Amino acid sequence: MALLLHIETSTAVCSVALGKDGNLLALKETKEGMKHASHLTVFIQNILKENELTIADLDGVAISMGPGSYTGLRIGVSTAKGICYGSNLPLIAINTLQAMTKPLLNNKNVLSQISNPDEAFFCPMIDARRMEVYTAFFNNKNELVKDISADIINETSYSKELSEREVIFFGDGASKCKEVIQSKNGIFLDNITTSAIGMIELAEVKFQNQEFEDVAYFEPFYLKDFVATTPKKNIFK
């Protein structure tokens, strides 16, 4: 049984949650965009203060490990590692796509749209610009059944899976795929975003199993290498 701090910064959402014994205790998040550097530490300070807690009361810190935004992941992981190193707390890494899927598995509104939930695949999608998404497939037990990948979406994407079962698409990358993937077995959910809420039960299990990361050497799961671009226009002229 643990009191854990959860940090989610892999997308435009900045989310911080306190979880106790696998249940949500408190949440602070914003969907204002990539402003994690200014919001994250304030959220952490406030959520602890409002619950009359300090870092010393925590049993560990869970971080959403990616895939997702390079900058967002760096900010979240750096903050989590700093807290863990300074307070000698264990670091727990949670798969971002798995955490997105977890809250949907027992959501009655979602399940009512699925003919056969036991056979359906859940497909979280994180926008990776243009028609590319970071994605994976999970079954109704939140087990990975198709490896995490960066996919360029076209009209033939996931045709095999869609011919065999219902696939539930969601996340900030799913909306741009809705008009491209045409199948009666494709179910698209709106307004599903990353949130630290989805990390809480997963992190509790990892804590109990002592599945901790090396604080010194842990790196986010970027999936793709960061590529810096040079502006075409010289702003100094």
Protein backbone atom coordinates (compact mmCIF):
# COMPACT_ATOMS: atom_id res chain seq x y z
CA MET A 1 0.00 0.00 0.00
CA ALA A 2 1.57 3.25 -1.10
CA LEU A 3 1.21 7.00 -1.44
CA LEU A 4 2.52 7.85 -4.91
CA LEU A 5 2.96 11.03 -6.91
CA HIS A 6 2.10 10.63 -10.61
CA ILE A 7 3.43 12.92 -13.35
CA GLU A 8 2.09 12.99 -16.92
CA THR A 9 3.71 15.41 -19.42
CA SER A 10 3.99 13.31 -22.58
CA THR A 11 1.53 15.44 -24.59
CA ALA A 12 0.05 18.95 -24.42
CA VAL A 13 -1.66 17.95 -21.15
CA CYS A 14 0.23 18.64 -17.92
CA SER A 15 -1.22 16.38 -15.24
CA VAL A 16 -0.23 15.59 -11.65
CA ALA A 17 -2.09 13.16 -9.38
CA LEU A 18 -1.75 11.73 -5.91
CA GLY A 19 -2.69 8.10 -5.57
CA LYS A 20 -3.10 6.21 -2.33
CA ASP A 21 -3.31 2.42 -2.35
CA GLY A 22 -4.20 2.50 -6.06
CA ASN A 23 -7.01 5.05 -5.69
CA LEU A 24 -7.15 8.70 -6.76
CA LEU A 25 -6.55 11.10 -3.89
CA ALA A 26 -6.11 14.39 -5.75
CA LEU A 27 -5.58 15.72 -9.28
CA LYS A 28 -4.29 18.88 -10.92
CA GLU A 29 -4.04 19.23 -14.68
CA THR A 30 -4.27 21.69 -17.54
CA LYS A 31 -4.78 21.33 -21.27
CA GLU A 32 -3.41 24.77 -22.11
CA GLY A 33 -0.64 23.36 -24.31
CA MET A 34 3.08 22.87 -23.94
CA LYS A 35 3.58 24.94 -20.79
CA HIS A 36 4.86 22.13 -18.61
CA ALA A 37 7.97 23.99 -17.50
CA SER A 38 5.86 26.66 -15.81
CA HIS A 39 3.01 24.46 -14.52
CA LEU A 40 4.54 21.19 -13.34
CA THR A 41 6.43 22.16 -10.20
CA VAL A 42 3.62 24.51 -9.15
CA PHE A 43 1.09 21.68 -9.50
CA ILE A 44 3.30 19.38 -7.41
CA GLN A 45 3.79 21.96 -4.66
CA ASN A 46 0.10 22.84 -4.52
CA ILE A 47 -1.26 19.30 -4.59
CA LEU A 48 0.98 18.33 -1.67
CA LYS A 49 0.20 21.49 0.30
CA GLU A 50 -3.56 21.20 -0.21
CA ASN A 51 -3.46 17.64 1.12
CA GLU A 52 -1.20 18.59 4.04
CA LEU A 53 1.63 16.45 2.74
CA THR A 54 5.30 16.89 1.95
CA ILE A 55 7.72 15.02 -0.30
CA ALA A 56 8.84 13.11 2.78
CA ASP A 57 5.34 11.55 3.05
CA LEU A 58 5.58 9.98 -0.41
CA ASP A 59 6.50 6.34 -0.99
CA GLY A 60 7.52 6.88 -4.61
CA VAL A 61 7.10 8.85 -7.85
CA ALA A 62 5.56 7.51 -11.05
CA ILE A 63 6.35 9.07 -14.41
CA SER A 64 4.62 8.64 -17.76
CA MET A 65 7.56 7.32 -19.78
CA GLY A 66 6.32 7.86 -23.35
CA PRO A 67 6.05 7.73 -26.24
CA GLY A 68 5.13 11.37 -26.77
CA SER A 69 6.55 14.85 -26.99
CA TYR A 70 10.34 14.97 -26.64
CA THR A 71 10.27 18.23 -24.69
CA GLY A 72 7.32 17.23 -22.51
CA LEU A 73 8.89 13.90 -21.60
CA ARG A 74 12.22 15.53 -20.76
CA ILE A 75 10.57 17.99 -18.39
CA GLY A 76 8.50 15.34 -16.64
CA VAL A 77 11.29 12.81 -16.29
CA SER A 78 13.83 15.40 -15.12
CA THR A 79 11.43 16.61 -12.43
CA ALA A 80 10.59 13.08 -11.27
CA LYS A 81 14.25 12.07 -11.14
CA GLY A 82 15.12 15.19 -9.17
CA ILE A 83 12.48 14.43 -6.55
CA CYS A 84 13.50 10.78 -6.32
CA TYR A 85 17.21 11.52 -6.09
CA GLY A 86 16.81 14.29 -3.53
CA SER A 87 14.48 12.30 -1.29
CA ASN A 88 15.74 8.77 -1.95
CA LEU A 89 12.40 7.64 -3.40
CA PRO A 90 11.84 4.87 -5.95
CA LEU A 91 11.03 5.85 -9.53
CA ILE A 92 8.25 4.00 -11.37
CA ALA A 93 7.86 4.25 -15.15
CA ILE A 94 4.42 3.81 -16.73
CA ASN A 95 3.77 3.22 -20.43
CA THR A 96 1.88 6.30 -21.65
CA LEU A 97 -0.33 4.40 -24.10
CA GLN A 98 -1.22 1.77 -21.52
CA ALA A 99 -2.14 4.49 -19.02
CA MET A 100 -4.42 6.10 -21.64
CA THR A 101 -6.20 2.78 -22.12
CA LYS A 102 -6.68 1.81 -18.47
CA PRO A 103 -9.61 4.15 -17.57
CA LEU A 104 -11.63 3.02 -20.61
CA LEU A 105 -11.69 -0.67 -19.78
CA ASN A 106 -14.44 -0.29 -17.14
CA ASN A 107 -16.12 2.80 -18.59
CA LYS A 108 -19.78 1.89 -19.14
CA ASN A 109 -20.29 4.56 -21.82
CA VAL A 110 -17.37 3.18 -23.80
CA LEU A 111 -18.29 -0.46 -23.33
CA SER A 112 -21.87 0.21 -24.47
CA GLN A 113 -20.52 1.13 -27.91
CA ILE A 114 -18.70 -2.21 -28.33
CA SER A 115 -20.49 -5.35 -29.48
CA ASN A 116 -17.88 -7.76 -28.12
CA PRO A 117 -15.56 -6.13 -25.56
CA ASP A 118 -13.74 -9.41 -24.91
CA GLU A 119 -12.48 -9.49 -28.50
CA ALA A 120 -12.06 -5.78 -29.20
CA PHE A 121 -8.71 -4.03 -29.39
CA PHE A 122 -8.08 -0.64 -27.81
CA CYS A 123 -5.86 1.64 -29.89
CA PRO A 124 -4.60 4.80 -28.15
CA MET A 125 -3.09 7.35 -30.55
CA ILE A 126 -0.73 10.21 -29.73
CA ASP A 127 -0.34 12.85 -32.42
CA ALA A 128 3.15 12.75 -33.95
CA ARG A 129 2.47 15.48 -36.56
CA ARG A 130 1.12 15.23 -40.10
CA MET A 131 -0.53 11.80 -40.52
CA GLU A 132 1.77 10.01 -38.10
CA VAL A 133 0.78 8.69 -34.69
CA TYR A 134 2.41 6.86 -31.80
CA THR A 135 0.20 3.89 -31.11
CA ALA A 136 -0.23 0.30 -29.97
CA PHE A 137 -3.04 -2.22 -29.50
CA PHE A 138 -4.24 -3.47 -26.11
CA ASN A 139 -6.85 -6.09 -25.25
CA ASN A 140 -9.57 -5.72 -22.63
CA LYS A 141 -7.09 -6.75 -19.92
CA ASN A 142 -4.79 -3.87 -20.89
CA GLU A 143 -2.24 -6.34 -22.23
CA LEU A 144 -0.11 -5.27 -25.19
CA VAL A 145 -1.11 -7.24 -28.30
CA LYS A 146 0.59 -5.09 -30.95
CA ASP A 147 3.92 -3.45 -30.29
CA ILE A 148 4.26 0.30 -29.84
CA SER A 149 5.10 1.97 -33.14
CA ALA A 150 5.12 5.24 -35.04
CA ASP A 151 2.61 4.70 -37.86
CA ILE A 152 1.77 6.83 -40.87
CA ILE A 153 -1.98 6.49 -41.30
CA ASN A 154 -3.65 5.82 -44.66
CA GLU A 155 -6.79 4.09 -45.88
CA THR A 156 -5.27 0.61 -45.47
CA SER A 157 -4.02 1.10 -41.91
CA TYR A 158 -5.00 -1.75 -39.55
CA SER A 159 -7.17 -3.35 -42.24
CA LYS A 160 -6.35 -6.86 -40.99
CA GLU A 161 -7.30 -6.09 -37.39
CA LEU A 162 -10.46 -4.24 -38.48
CA SER A 163 -11.55 -7.17 -40.62
CA GLU A 164 -11.44 -9.45 -37.59
CA ARG A 165 -12.73 -7.37 -34.68
CA GLU A 166 -13.77 -3.95 -33.41
CA VAL A 167 -10.96 -1.49 -32.78
CA ILE A 168 -11.49 1.49 -30.48
CA PHE A 169 -9.42 4.51 -31.50
CA PHE A 170 -8.84 7.40 -29.08
CA GLY A 171 -6.36 10.07 -28.09
CA ASP A 172 -5.25 13.34 -29.66
CA GLY A 173 -4.02 11.50 -32.76
CA ALA A 174 -7.28 9.67 -33.45
CA SER A 175 -9.33 12.61 -34.74
CA LYS A 176 -7.17 13.09 -37.83
CA CYS A 177 -7.52 9.39 -38.64
CA LYS A 178 -11.30 9.31 -38.45
CA GLU A 179 -11.86 10.32 -42.07
CA VAL A 180 -9.08 8.08 -43.37
CA ILE A 181 -9.87 4.79 -41.62
CA GLN A 182 -13.23 3.74 -43.00
CA SER A 183 -14.53 0.55 -41.40
CA LYS A 184 -17.71 -0.48 -39.64
CA ASN A 185 -15.48 -2.01 -36.96
CA GLY A 186 -13.67 1.24 -36.27
CA ILE A 187 -15.00 3.04 -33.18
CA PHE A 188 -13.66 6.55 -32.54
CA LEU A 189 -13.91 8.15 -29.10
CA ASP A 190 -13.73 11.93 -28.75
CA ASN A 191 -12.07 14.01 -26.03
CA ILE A 192 -9.84 11.28 -24.62
CA THR A 193 -6.50 12.73 -23.53
CA THR A 194 -3.52 11.68 -21.46
CA SER A 195 -4.01 12.06 -17.71
CA ALA A 196 -2.14 11.03 -14.58
CA ILE A 197 -5.37 9.32 -13.47
CA GLY A 198 -4.68 6.40 -15.78
CA MET A 199 -1.31 5.81 -14.13
CA ILE A 200 -2.54 5.25 -10.58
CA GLU A 201 -3.53 1.56 -10.58
CA LEU A 202 -0.64 0.60 -12.86
CA ALA A 203 1.88 2.37 -10.62
CA GLU A 204 0.50 0.74 -7.46
CA VAL A 205 1.00 -2.72 -8.99
CA LYS A 206 4.57 -1.87 -9.99
CA PHE A 207 5.28 -0.49 -6.52
CA GLN A 208 4.05 -3.68 -4.85
CA ASN A 209 6.19 -5.74 -7.25
CA GLN A 210 9.13 -3.40 -6.65
CA GLU A 211 9.51 -2.73 -10.37
CA PHE A 212 11.62 0.39 -10.00
CA GLU A 213 13.85 2.27 -12.43
CA ASP A 214 17.46 3.29 -11.97
CA VAL A 215 17.11 6.98 -11.14
CA ALA A 216 20.54 7.84 -12.51
CA TYR A 217 20.20 6.12 -15.88
CA PHE A 218 16.50 6.05 -16.71
CA GLU A 219 15.54 7.73 -19.99
CA PRO A 220 12.07 8.35 -21.48
CA PHE A 221 10.81 6.14 -24.30
CA TYR A 222 10.96 8.61 -27.17
CA LEU A 223 10.31 5.96 -29.86
CA LYS A 224 11.91 8.28 -32.43
CA ASP A 225 15.11 10.29 -32.23
CA PHE A 226 14.75 14.01 -31.67
CA VAL A 227 15.48 15.98 -34.83
CA ALA A 228 16.33 19.67 -34.52
CA THR A 229 15.37 21.80 -37.49
CA THR A 230 16.92 25.00 -38.78
CA PRO A 231 14.54 27.85 -39.65
CA LYS A 232 14.64 28.76 -43.32
CA LYS A 233 14.45 32.45 -42.56
CA ASN A 234 17.38 34.11 -40.83
CA ILE A 235 15.75 36.08 -38.02
CA PHE A 236 18.95 38.06 -37.38
CA LYS A 237 18.93 39.76 -40.78
